[in-house]
Amino acid sequence: MSQSNDLERIYQELRRRAVAQFGEDRAVELESYLRTAAEQVHAVEGAEVHPDLEPLNQE
């Protein structure tokens, strides 16, 4: 799957949730925020971590 497909998939899921929670009209109003959030989620999912780094567990 290409990166643009991944980004679109993330956006569509966020939009689906916005429609379910706030309704279609409000989801349309939130579109720029949803696109930004999708881009941020996509960036985090695509971030590479050096294999020698251990996860930071804060307890």
C-alpha atoms as a PDB file:
ATOM      1  CA  MET A   1       0.000   0.000   0.000  1.00  0.00           C
ATOM      2  CA  SER A   2       1.402   3.403  -0.906  1.00  0.00           C
ATOM      3  CA  GLN A   3       1.954   6.218   1.548  1.00  0.00           C
ATOM      4  CA  SER A   4      -0.852   8.297   0.053  1.00  0.00           C
ATOM      5  CA  ASN A   5      -3.229   5.343   0.460  1.00  0.00           C
ATOM      6  CA  ASP A   6      -2.155   4.987   4.092  1.00  0.00           C
ATOM      7  CA  LEU A   7      -2.708   8.690   4.680  1.00  0.00           C
ATOM      8  CA  GLU A   8      -6.129   8.565   3.033  1.00  0.00           C
ATOM      9  CA  ARG A   9      -7.062   5.479   5.078  1.00  0.00           C
ATOM     10  CA  ILE A  10      -6.156   7.283   8.304  1.00  0.00           C
ATOM     11  CA  TYR A  11      -8.095  10.383   7.250  1.00  0.00           C
ATOM     12  CA  GLN A  12     -11.173   8.343   6.315  1.00  0.00           C
ATOM     13  CA  GLU A  13     -11.142   6.612   9.702  1.00  0.00           C
ATOM     14  CA  LEU A  14     -10.862   9.924  11.552  1.00  0.00           C
ATOM     15  CA  ARG A  15     -13.652  11.374   9.420  1.00  0.00           C
ATOM     16  CA  ARG A  16     -15.858   8.334  10.021  1.00  0.00           C
ATOM     17  CA  ARG A  17     -15.398   8.775  13.753  1.00  0.00           C
ATOM     18  CA  ALA A  18     -16.145  12.506  13.550  1.00  0.00           C
ATOM     19  CA  VAL A  19     -19.367  11.821  11.630  1.00  0.00           C
ATOM     20  CA  ALA A  20     -20.402   9.179  14.151  1.00  0.00           C
ATOM     21  CA  GLN A  21     -19.713  11.429  17.119  1.00  0.00           C
ATOM     22  CA  PHE A  22     -20.621  14.914  15.829  1.00  0.00           C
ATOM     23  CA  GLY A  23     -22.676  14.432  12.659  1.00  0.00           C
ATOM     24  CA  GLU A  24     -21.955  15.122   8.987  1.00  0.00           C
ATOM     25  CA  ASP A  25     -22.182  18.925   9.150  1.00  0.00           C
ATOM     26  CA  ARG A  26     -19.669  19.227  11.981  1.00  0.00           C
ATOM     27  CA  ALA A  27     -17.341  16.701  10.315  1.00  0.00           C
ATOM     28  CA  VAL A  28     -17.288  18.946   7.230  1.00  0.00           C
ATOM     29  CA  GLU A  29     -16.381  21.917   9.444  1.00  0.00           C
ATOM     30  CA  LEU A  30     -13.567  19.879  11.026  1.00  0.00           C
ATOM     31  CA  GLU A  31     -12.078  18.679   7.739  1.00  0.00           C
ATOM     32  CA  SER A  32      -8.856  20.732   7.911  1.00  0.00           C
ATOM     33  CA  TYR A  33      -8.255  19.554  11.486  1.00  0.00           C
ATOM     34  CA  LEU A  34      -8.946  15.952  10.512  1.00  0.00           C
ATOM     35  CA  ARG A  35      -6.499  16.177   7.589  1.00  0.00           C
ATOM     36  CA  THR A  36      -3.824  17.649   9.863  1.00  0.00           C
ATOM     37  CA  ALA A  37      -4.397  14.946  12.469  1.00  0.00           C
ATOM     38  CA  ALA A  38      -4.204  12.259   9.770  1.00  0.00           C
ATOM     39  CA  GLU A  39      -0.879  13.674   8.554  1.00  0.00           C
ATOM     40  CA  GLN A  40       0.478  13.666  12.100  1.00  0.00           C
ATOM     41  CA  VAL A  41      -0.642  10.092  12.769  1.00  0.00           C
ATOM     42  CA  HIS A  42       0.856   9.022   9.435  1.00  0.00           C
ATOM     43  CA  ALA A  43       4.176  10.691  10.335  1.00  0.00           C
ATOM     44  CA  VAL A  44       4.306   8.930  13.713  1.00  0.00           C
ATOM     45  CA  GLU A  45       3.441   5.564  12.182  1.00  0.00           C
ATOM     46  CA  GLY A  46       6.184   6.018   9.586  1.00  0.00           C
ATOM     47  CA  ALA A  47       8.891   7.165  11.985  1.00  0.00           C
ATOM     48  CA  GLU A  48      11.889   4.902  12.075  1.00  0.00           C
ATOM     49  CA  VAL A  49      13.547   3.965  15.338  1.00  0.00           C
ATOM     50  CA  HIS A  50      17.066   2.623  15.562  1.00  0.00           C
ATOM     51  CA  PRO A  51      16.874  -1.122  16.389  1.00  0.00           C
ATOM     52  CA  ASP A  52      19.230  -0.724  19.375  1.00  0.00           C
ATOM     53  CA  LEU A  53      16.947   1.724  21.137  1.00  0.00           C
ATOM     54  CA  GLU A  54      14.760   0.303  23.838  1.00  0.00           C
ATOM     55  CA  PRO A  55      11.265   1.662  24.381  1.00  0.00           C
ATOM     56  CA  LEU A  56      11.015   4.169  27.183  1.00  0.00           C
ATOM     57  CA  ASN A  57       8.616   2.770  29.743  1.00  0.00           C
ATOM     58  CA  GLN A  58       7.563   5.272  32.327  1.00  0.00           C
ATOM     59  CA  GLU A  59       5.847   3.799  35.318  1.00  0.00           C
END
